[in-house]
C-alpha atoms as a PDB file:
ATOM      1  CA  UNK A   1     140.388  28.205 -29.167  1.00  0.00           C
ATOM      2  CA  UNK A   2     141.067  27.091 -32.754  1.00  0.00           C
ATOM      3  CA  UNK A   3     138.800  24.193 -33.870  1.00  0.00           C
ATOM      4  CA  UNK A   4     141.761  21.894 -34.510  1.00  0.00           C
ATOM      5  CA  UNK A   5     143.150  22.427 -31.010  1.00  0.00           C
ATOM      6  CA  UNK A   6     139.693  22.067 -29.495  1.00  0.00           C
ATOM      7  CA  UNK A   7     139.105  18.793 -31.319  1.00  0.00           C
ATOM      8  CA  UNK A   8     142.504  17.567 -30.153  1.00  0.00           C
ATOM      9  CA  UNK A   9     141.411  18.157 -26.551  1.00  0.00           C
ATOM     10  CA  UNK A  10     138.167  16.297 -27.198  1.00  0.00           C
ATOM     11  CA  UNK A  11     140.096  13.317 -28.596  1.00  0.00           C
ATOM     12  CA  UNK A  12     142.433  13.356 -25.598  1.00  0.00           C
ATOM     13  CA  UNK A  13     139.476  13.180 -23.219  1.00  0.00           C
ATOM     14  CA  UNK A  14     137.765  10.514 -25.316  1.00  0.00           C
ATOM     15  CA  UNK A  15     140.889   8.366 -25.124  1.00  0.00           C
ATOM     16  CA  UNK A  16     140.506   8.331 -21.342  1.00  0.00           C
ATOM     17  CA  UNK A  17     136.775   7.652 -21.008  1.00  0.00           C
ATOM     18  CA  UNK A  18     135.778   5.866 -24.216  1.00  0.00           C
ATOM     19  CA  UNK A  19     132.510   7.784 -24.762  1.00  0.00           C
ATOM     20  CA  UNK A  20     131.417  11.426 -24.476  1.00  0.00           C
ATOM     21  CA  UNK A  21     128.085  13.202 -24.654  1.00  0.00           C
ATOM     22  CA  UNK A  22     127.451  16.684 -26.031  1.00  0.00           C
ATOM     23  CA  UNK A  23     126.533  17.848 -22.532  1.00  0.00           C
ATOM     24  CA  UNK A  24     129.763  16.540 -20.990  1.00  0.00           C
ATOM     25  CA  UNK A  25     131.934  18.376 -23.501  1.00  0.00           C
ATOM     26  CA  UNK A  26     129.848  21.561 -23.139  1.00  0.00           C
ATOM     27  CA  UNK A  27     130.427  21.519 -19.387  1.00  0.00           C
ATOM     28  CA  UNK A  28     134.088  20.515 -19.573  1.00  0.00           C
ATOM     29  CA  UNK A  29     135.144  23.072 -22.183  1.00  0.00           C
ATOM     30  CA  UNK A  30     132.531  25.828 -21.732  1.00  0.00           C
ATOM     31  CA  UNK A  31     131.258  25.418 -25.293  1.00  0.00           C
ATOM     32  CA  UNK A  32     127.852  25.761 -26.866  1.00  0.00           C
ATOM     33  CA  UNK A  33     125.982  22.604 -27.960  1.00  0.00           C
ATOM     34  CA  UNK A  34     126.126  23.769 -31.585  1.00  0.00           C
ATOM     35  CA  UNK A  35     129.918  24.079 -31.475  1.00  0.00           C
ATOM     36  CA  UNK A  36     130.316  20.642 -29.882  1.00  0.00           C
ATOM     37  CA  UNK A  37     128.017  19.004 -32.441  1.00  0.00           C
ATOM     38  CA  UNK A  38     130.054  20.552 -35.266  1.00  0.00           C
ATOM     39  CA  UNK A  39     133.269  19.199 -33.733  1.00  0.00           C
ATOM     40  CA  UNK A  40     131.702  15.757 -33.301  1.00  0.00           C
ATOM     41  CA  UNK A  41     130.586  15.765 -36.943  1.00  0.00           C
ATOM     42  CA  UNK A  42     134.055  16.812 -38.148  1.00  0.00           C
ATOM     43  CA  UNK A  43     135.776  14.077 -36.136  1.00  0.00           C
ATOM     44  CA  UNK A  44     133.251  11.524 -37.348  1.00  0.00           C
ATOM     45  CA  UNK A  45     133.793  12.452 -41.012  1.00  0.00           C
ATOM     46  CA  UNK A  46     137.541  12.042 -40.465  1.00  0.00           C
ATOM     47  CA  UNK A  47     136.949   8.539 -39.122  1.00  0.00           C
ATOM     48  CA  UNK A  48     138.486   9.415 -35.753  1.00  0.00           C
ATOM     49  CA  UNK A  49     135.343   8.794 -33.685  1.00  0.00           C
ATOM     50  CA  UNK A  50     132.035   6.963 -33.942  1.00  0.00           C
ATOM     51  CA  UNK A  51     128.778   8.873 -33.575  1.00  0.00           C
ATOM     52  CA  UNK A  52     126.470   7.565 -30.859  1.00  0.00           C
ATOM     53  CA  UNK A  53     123.103   8.681 -29.500  1.00  0.00           C
ATOM     54  CA  UNK A  54     123.820  12.192 -28.238  1.00  0.00           C
ATOM     55  CA  UNK A  55     127.591  11.879 -28.383  1.00  0.00           C
ATOM     56  CA  UNK A  56     130.653  10.060 -29.705  1.00  0.00           C
ATOM     57  CA  UNK A  57     132.591   6.889 -28.958  1.00  0.00           C
ATOM     58  CA  UNK A  58     136.223   5.977 -29.455  1.00  0.00           C
ATOM     59  CA  UNK A  59     136.787   4.393 -32.865  1.00  0.00           C
ATOM     60  CA  UNK A  60     139.254   1.996 -31.190  1.00  0.00           C
ATOM     61  CA  UNK A  61     136.301   0.285 -29.541  1.00  0.00           C
ATOM     62  CA  UNK A  62     134.999  -1.199 -32.792  1.00  0.00           C
ATOM     63  CA  UNK A  63     134.813  -4.970 -32.954  1.00  0.00           C
ATOM     64  CA  UNK A  64     136.484  -5.943 -29.680  1.00  0.00           C
ATOM     65  CA  UNK A  65     133.366  -7.128 -27.917  1.00  0.00           C
ATOM     66  CA  UNK A  66     129.802  -7.859 -28.866  1.00  0.00           C
ATOM     67  CA  UNK A  67     128.543  -5.208 -26.464  1.00  0.00           C
ATOM     68  CA  UNK A  68     130.964  -2.700 -28.094  1.00  0.00           C
ATOM     69  CA  UNK A  69     132.629  -1.773 -24.798  1.00  0.00           C
ATOM     70  CA  UNK A  70     136.233  -0.667 -24.761  1.00  0.00           C
ATOM     71  CA  UNK A  71     138.840  -3.372 -24.143  1.00  0.00           C
ATOM     72  CA  UNK A  72     139.353  -3.924 -20.433  1.00  0.00           C
ATOM     73  CA  UNK A  73     142.907  -2.568 -20.340  1.00  0.00           C
ATOM     74  CA  UNK A  74     141.739   0.693 -21.939  1.00  0.00           C
ATOM     75  CA  UNK A  75     138.978   1.097 -19.381  1.00  0.00           C
ATOM     76  CA  UNK A  76     141.682   1.157 -16.707  1.00  0.00           C
ATOM     77  CA  UNK A  77     142.808   4.783 -16.774  1.00  0.00           C
ATOM     78  CA  UNK A  78     144.638   5.135 -13.484  1.00  0.00           C
ATOM     79  CA  UNK A  79     147.191   7.933 -13.220  1.00  0.00           C
ATOM     80  CA  UNK A  80     146.567   9.366 -16.731  1.00  0.00           C
ATOM     81  CA  UNK A  81     148.693  12.500 -16.288  1.00  0.00           C
ATOM     82  CA  UNK A  82     151.711  10.443 -15.258  1.00  0.00           C
ATOM     83  CA  UNK A  83     151.248   8.049 -18.166  1.00  0.00           C
ATOM     84  CA  UNK A  84     151.088  10.961 -20.587  1.00  0.00           C
ATOM     85  CA  UNK A  85     154.308  12.437 -19.198  1.00  0.00           C
ATOM     86  CA  UNK A  86     156.045   9.058 -19.353  1.00  0.00           C
ATOM     87  CA  UNK A  87     155.045   8.544 -22.978  1.00  0.00           C
ATOM     88  CA  UNK A  88     156.243  12.022 -23.924  1.00  0.00           C
ATOM     89  CA  UNK A  89     159.605  11.422 -22.228  1.00  0.00           C
ATOM     90  CA  UNK A  90     160.015   8.032 -23.910  1.00  0.00           C
ATOM     91  CA  UNK A  91     159.168   9.407 -27.351  1.00  0.00           C
ATOM     92  CA  UNK A  92     161.887  12.051 -26.964  1.00  0.00           C
ATOM     93  CA  UNK A  93     164.471   9.252 -27.108  1.00  0.00           C
ATOM     94  CA  UNK A  94     163.535   8.399 -30.700  1.00  0.00           C
ATOM     95  CA  UNK A  95     165.427   9.904 -33.630  1.00  0.00           C
ATOM     96  CA  UNK A  96     164.027  10.350 -37.130  1.00  0.00           C
ATOM     97  CA  UNK A  97     164.615   7.206 -39.162  1.00  0.00           C
ATOM     98  CA  UNK A  98     164.555   4.864 -36.155  1.00  0.00           C
ATOM     99  CA  UNK A  99     162.737   1.539 -36.088  1.00  0.00           C
ATOM    100  CA  UNK A 100     160.602   1.326 -32.950  1.00  0.00           C
ATOM    101  CA  UNK A 101     158.914  -1.774 -31.510  1.00  0.00           C
ATOM    102  CA  UNK A 102     155.912  -0.912 -29.344  1.00  0.00           C
ATOM    103  CA  UNK A 103     154.175  -3.253 -26.935  1.00  0.00           C
ATOM    104  CA  UNK A 104     150.481  -2.830 -26.101  1.00  0.00           C
ATOM    105  CA  UNK A 105     149.383  -1.041 -22.916  1.00  0.00           C
ATOM    106  CA  UNK A 106     147.719   2.075 -21.553  1.00  0.00           C
ATOM    107  CA  UNK A 107     151.010   3.992 -21.386  1.00  0.00           C
ATOM    108  CA  UNK A 108     152.528   2.766 -24.647  1.00  0.00           C
ATOM    109  CA  UNK A 109     149.284   3.658 -26.447  1.00  0.00           C
ATOM    110  CA  UNK A 110     150.013   7.285 -25.601  1.00  0.00           C
ATOM    111  CA  UNK A 111     153.221   7.129 -27.637  1.00  0.00           C
ATOM    112  CA  UNK A 112     151.060   7.270 -30.756  1.00  0.00           C
ATOM    113  CA  UNK A 113     150.453  11.007 -30.635  1.00  0.00           C
ATOM    114  CA  UNK A 114     154.193  11.714 -30.347  1.00  0.00           C
ATOM    115  CA  UNK A 115     155.298   9.328 -33.106  1.00  0.00           C
ATOM    116  CA  UNK A 116     152.454   9.350 -35.634  1.00  0.00           C
ATOM    117  CA  UNK A 117     153.852  12.262 -37.629  1.00  0.00           C
ATOM    118  CA  UNK A 118     157.531  11.394 -37.279  1.00  0.00           C
ATOM    119  CA  UNK A 119     159.545   9.712 -40.092  1.00  0.00           C
ATOM    120  CA  UNK A 120     159.965   6.454 -38.164  1.00  0.00           C
ATOM    121  CA  UNK A 121     158.961   2.820 -38.651  1.00  0.00           C
ATOM    122  CA  UNK A 122     156.853   1.232 -35.941  1.00  0.00           C
ATOM    123  CA  UNK A 123     156.528  -2.500 -35.344  1.00  0.00           C
ATOM    124  CA  UNK A 124     153.699  -3.516 -33.036  1.00  0.00           C
ATOM    125  CA  UNK A 125     151.410  -6.392 -32.131  1.00  0.00           C
ATOM    126  CA  UNK A 126     148.765  -3.959 -30.858  1.00  0.00           C
ATOM    127  CA  UNK A 127     145.797  -3.329 -33.150  1.00  0.00           C
ATOM    128  CA  UNK A 128     144.869  -0.337 -31.003  1.00  0.00           C
ATOM    129  CA  UNK A 129     148.279   1.312 -31.340  1.00  0.00           C
ATOM    130  CA  UNK A 130     148.320   0.734 -35.097  1.00  0.00           C
ATOM    131  CA  UNK A 131     144.824   2.205 -35.396  1.00  0.00           C
ATOM    132  CA  UNK A 132     145.684   5.168 -33.183  1.00  0.00           C
ATOM    133  CA  UNK A 133     148.789   6.045 -35.207  1.00  0.00           C
ATOM    134  CA  UNK A 134     146.857   5.758 -38.453  1.00  0.00           C
ATOM    135  CA  UNK A 135     144.128   8.058 -37.092  1.00  0.00           C
ATOM    136  CA  UNK A 136     146.631  10.673 -35.919  1.00  0.00           C
ATOM    137  CA  UNK A 137     148.900  10.635 -38.961  1.00  0.00           C
ATOM    138  CA  UNK A 138     148.262  13.777 -40.986  1.00  0.00           C
ATOM    139  CA  UNK A 139     150.349  13.120 -44.086  1.00  0.00           C
ATOM    140  CA  UNK A 140     152.441  10.716 -46.107  1.00  0.00           C
ATOM    141  CA  UNK A 141     155.596  11.709 -44.238  1.00  0.00           C
ATOM    142  CA  UNK A 142     154.474  10.194 -40.943  1.00  0.00           C
ATOM    143  CA  UNK A 143     155.206   6.880 -39.296  1.00  0.00           C
ATOM    144  CA  UNK A 144     155.098   3.598 -41.205  1.00  0.00           C
ATOM    145  CA  UNK A 145     153.300   0.829 -39.323  1.00  0.00           C
ATOM    146  CA  UNK A 146     154.206  -2.863 -39.391  1.00  0.00           C
ATOM    147  CA  UNK A 147     151.492  -4.899 -37.653  1.00  0.00           C
ATOM    148  CA  UNK A 148     152.115  -8.545 -36.779  1.00  0.00           C
ATOM    149  CA  UNK A 149     149.687 -11.335 -37.419  1.00  0.00           C
ATOM    150  CA  UNK A 150     148.532 -13.702 -34.723  1.00  0.00           C
ATOM    151  CA  UNK A 151     145.656 -14.551 -32.427  1.00  0.00           C
ATOM    152  CA  UNK A 152     143.654 -11.608 -31.060  1.00  0.00           C
ATOM    153  CA  UNK A 153     143.858 -11.969 -27.289  1.00  0.00           C
ATOM    154  CA  UNK A 154     140.357 -11.309 -25.878  1.00  0.00           C
ATOM    155  CA  UNK A 155     139.539  -7.798 -24.631  1.00  0.00           C
ATOM    156  CA  UNK A 156     143.025  -6.458 -25.262  1.00  0.00           C
ATOM    157  CA  UNK A 157     143.516  -5.644 -28.940  1.00  0.00           C
ATOM    158  CA  UNK A 158     146.811  -7.558 -28.794  1.00  0.00           C
ATOM    159  CA  UNK A 159     148.002 -10.080 -31.366  1.00  0.00           C
ATOM    160  CA  UNK A 160     149.747 -12.993 -29.639  1.00  0.00           C
ATOM    161  CA  UNK A 161     150.768 -16.603 -30.213  1.00  0.00           C
ATOM    162  CA  UNK A 162     153.372 -18.325 -32.421  1.00  0.00           C
ATOM    163  CA  UNK A 163     152.656 -16.250 -35.534  1.00  0.00           C
ATOM    164  CA  UNK A 164     152.990 -12.954 -33.654  1.00  0.00           C
ATOM    165  CA  UNK A 165     156.256 -14.082 -32.053  1.00  0.00           C
ATOM    166  CA  UNK A 166     157.650 -15.317 -35.378  1.00  0.00           C
ATOM    167  CA  UNK A 167     156.797 -12.032 -37.062  1.00  0.00           C
ATOM    168  CA  UNK A 168     158.402  -9.977 -34.289  1.00  0.00           C
ATOM    169  CA  UNK A 169     161.564 -12.058 -34.570  1.00  0.00           C
ATOM    170  CA  UNK A 170     161.965 -10.883 -38.185  1.00  0.00           C
ATOM    171  CA  UNK A 171     162.324  -7.220 -37.210  1.00  0.00           C
ATOM    172  CA  UNK A 172     165.334  -5.527 -35.623  1.00  0.00           C
ATOM    173  CA  UNK A 173     164.607  -2.233 -33.888  1.00  0.00           C
ATOM    174  CA  UNK A 174     166.506   0.660 -32.356  1.00  0.00           C
ATOM    175  CA  UNK A 175     164.019   0.831 -29.486  1.00  0.00           C
ATOM    176  CA  UNK A 176     161.550  -1.499 -27.833  1.00  0.00           C
ATOM    177  CA  UNK A 177     158.983   0.282 -25.676  1.00  0.00           C
ATOM    178  CA  UNK A 178     157.438  -2.126 -23.200  1.00  0.00           C
ATOM    179  CA  UNK A 179     154.661  -2.136 -20.625  1.00  0.00           C
ATOM    180  CA  UNK A 180     154.430  -4.232 -17.467  1.00  0.00           C
ATOM    181  CA  UNK A 181     151.897  -5.243 -14.861  1.00  0.00           C
ATOM    182  CA  UNK A 182     154.289  -4.977 -11.939  1.00  0.00           C
ATOM    183  CA  UNK A 183     157.834  -4.170 -10.833  1.00  0.00           C
ATOM    184  CA  UNK A 184     159.687  -5.920  -8.037  1.00  0.00           C
ATOM    185  CA  UNK A 185     163.254  -6.509  -6.888  1.00  0.00           C
ATOM    186  CA  UNK A 186     163.822  -9.015  -9.691  1.00  0.00           C
ATOM    187  CA  UNK A 187     162.563  -6.862 -12.550  1.00  0.00           C
ATOM    188  CA  UNK A 188     159.279  -6.643 -14.466  1.00  0.00           C
ATOM    189  CA  UNK A 189     156.310  -9.001 -14.520  1.00  0.00           C
ATOM    190  CA  UNK A 190     153.148  -9.215 -16.587  1.00  0.00           C
ATOM    191  CA  UNK A 191     149.790 -10.929 -16.552  1.00  0.00           C
ATOM    192  CA  UNK A 192     149.907 -13.493 -19.360  1.00  0.00           C
ATOM    193  CA  UNK A 193     152.416 -15.906 -20.852  1.00  0.00           C
ATOM    194  CA  UNK A 194     151.341 -15.226 -24.447  1.00  0.00           C
ATOM    195  CA  UNK A 195     151.769 -11.484 -23.977  1.00  0.00           C
ATOM    196  CA  UNK A 196     155.186 -11.944 -22.368  1.00  0.00           C
ATOM    197  CA  UNK A 197     156.399 -14.145 -25.231  1.00  0.00           C
ATOM    198  CA  UNK A 198     155.820 -11.263 -27.639  1.00  0.00           C
ATOM    199  CA  UNK A 199     157.516  -8.799 -25.311  1.00  0.00           C
ATOM    200  CA  UNK A 200     160.506 -11.125 -25.009  1.00  0.00           C
ATOM    201  CA  UNK A 201     160.800 -11.241 -28.812  1.00  0.00           C
ATOM    202  CA  UNK A 202     160.933  -7.438 -28.881  1.00  0.00           C
ATOM    203  CA  UNK A 203     163.650  -7.348 -26.204  1.00  0.00           C
ATOM    204  CA  UNK A 204     165.794  -9.918 -27.975  1.00  0.00           C
ATOM    205  CA  UNK A 205     165.740  -8.023 -31.281  1.00  0.00           C
ATOM    206  CA  UNK A 206     166.207  -4.419 -30.130  1.00  0.00           C
ATOM    207  CA  UNK A 207     169.211  -2.224 -29.463  1.00  0.00           C
ATOM    208  CA  UNK A 208     167.649  -0.474 -26.444  1.00  0.00           C
ATOM    209  CA  UNK A 209     164.903  -1.994 -24.278  1.00  0.00           C
ATOM    210  CA  UNK A 210     162.822   0.684 -22.527  1.00  0.00           C
ATOM    211  CA  UNK A 211     160.186  -0.034 -19.891  1.00  0.00           C
ATOM    212  CA  UNK A 212     157.373   2.485 -19.355  1.00  0.00           C
ATOM    213  CA  UNK A 213     155.819   2.164 -15.890  1.00  0.00           C
ATOM    214  CA  UNK A 214     154.230   4.644 -13.507  1.00  0.00           C
ATOM    215  CA  UNK A 215     154.612   4.543  -9.721  1.00  0.00           C
ATOM    216  CA  UNK A 216     151.519   2.355  -9.227  1.00  0.00           C
ATOM    217  CA  UNK A 217     153.450  -0.615 -10.674  1.00  0.00           C
ATOM    218  CA  UNK A 218     156.138  -0.599  -7.969  1.00  0.00           C
ATOM    219  CA  UNK A 219     156.008  -3.422  -5.431  1.00  0.00           C
ATOM    220  CA  UNK A 220     153.435  -5.270  -7.543  1.00  0.00           C
ATOM    221  CA  UNK A 221     154.060  -8.735  -8.929  1.00  0.00           C
ATOM    222  CA  UNK A 222     152.088 -10.345 -11.736  1.00  0.00           C
ATOM    223  CA  UNK A 223     152.070 -14.022 -12.672  1.00  0.00           C
ATOM    224  CA  UNK A 224     154.747 -14.157 -15.384  1.00  0.00           C
ATOM    225  CA  UNK A 225     158.318 -12.868 -15.264  1.00  0.00           C
ATOM    226  CA  UNK A 226     158.867 -10.512 -18.192  1.00  0.00           C
ATOM    227  CA  UNK A 227     162.525  -9.651 -17.725  1.00  0.00           C
ATOM    228  CA  UNK A 228     165.232  -8.936 -15.196  1.00  0.00           C
ATOM    229  CA  UNK A 229     166.460  -5.413 -14.547  1.00  0.00           C
ATOM    230  CA  UNK A 230     169.732  -6.278 -16.281  1.00  0.00           C
ATOM    231  CA  UNK A 231     167.878  -6.894 -19.557  1.00  0.00           C
ATOM    232  CA  UNK A 232     166.541  -3.326 -19.631  1.00  0.00           C
ATOM    233  CA  UNK A 233     168.464  -0.271 -20.782  1.00  0.00           C
ATOM    234  CA  UNK A 234     166.099   2.449 -19.586  1.00  0.00           C
ATOM    235  CA  UNK A 235     163.178   2.715 -17.164  1.00  0.00           C
ATOM    236  CA  UNK A 236     160.872   5.688 -17.737  1.00  0.00           C
ATOM    237  CA  UNK A 237     158.682   6.381 -14.726  1.00  0.00           C
ATOM    238  CA  UNK A 238     157.027   9.283 -12.908  1.00  0.00           C
ATOM    239  CA  UNK A 239     158.768   9.134  -9.532  1.00  0.00           C
ATOM    240  CA  UNK A 240     162.270   8.329  -8.336  1.00  0.00           C
ATOM    241  CA  UNK A 241     162.264   4.715  -7.072  1.00  0.00           C
ATOM    242  CA  UNK A 242     163.088   4.127  -3.412  1.00  0.00           C
ATOM    243  CA  UNK A 243     165.849   1.724  -4.426  1.00  0.00           C
ATOM    244  CA  UNK A 244     167.435   2.297  -7.854  1.00  0.00           C
ATOM    245  CA  UNK A 245     167.011  -0.865  -9.948  1.00  0.00           C
ATOM    246  CA  UNK A 246     170.281  -2.669 -10.781  1.00  0.00           C
ATOM    247  CA  UNK A 247     170.762  -2.170 -14.482  1.00  0.00           C
ATOM    248  CA  UNK A 248     168.661   0.356 -16.370  1.00  0.00           C
ATOM    249  CA  UNK A 249     169.099   4.093 -16.441  1.00  0.00           C
ATOM    250  CA  UNK A 250     166.089   5.704 -14.752  1.00  0.00           C
ATOM    251  CA  UNK A 251     164.380   8.652 -16.428  1.00  0.00           C
ATOM    252  CA  UNK A 252     161.791  10.440 -14.291  1.00  0.00           C
ATOM    253  CA  UNK A 253     159.247  12.094 -16.562  1.00  0.00           C
ATOM    254  CA  UNK A 254     158.990  15.813 -15.930  1.00  0.00           C
ATOM    255  CA  UNK A 255     162.220  15.996 -13.928  1.00  0.00           C
ATOM    256  CA  UNK A 256     164.534  18.928 -14.767  1.00  0.00           C
END
């Protein structure tokens, strides 16, 4: 396997688990310790990972907690294959030159690899998404990033509050890619009022509102109503819903 492709696989795995040892990568990819150490050193020099004792850590973990653990929402890696497929399907909707608003979340974070080297403009209140795009961008022709200001919501990497909302209201986008904590008969819900206020600002200023949610979100209900089904244009998911939601077009990732 070419070193670039091999390092891409290492980064993909690191995104899921947050930290990797030399031994883990040797076992997972049938590589020699010398090869793995060279890959770790290359990724570290590029600023894409942090070296740790006997391994590497995700660079996105820097500064979010005193104990240097990954933010809590990144440690939750349920259904990773489905989330990857959903992100890939959602990114295929974007045309070169589009303005794209991206909400923070484990699925929306995966959009970064599909948009980083596209000639698009990305508006986000997620420090992690901005960092991920910057790390993946390989040249000047890639995505431009517009990061809001605001209060850093603990253990999330999200910028929220009045300043974040005001900044989001200044940008009009072709697409708004949104995450949610749960889906029910009324639409989408999420965990926190401050987070939802930013998501609402994205919905109000976009041409097409797209919700990314895997099957684990169905029949769940979080504290705050994010939006009704009628406010969404597209739902990208990994399984056909039992009852089609009234409003958005449903795209099932991986379906023919």
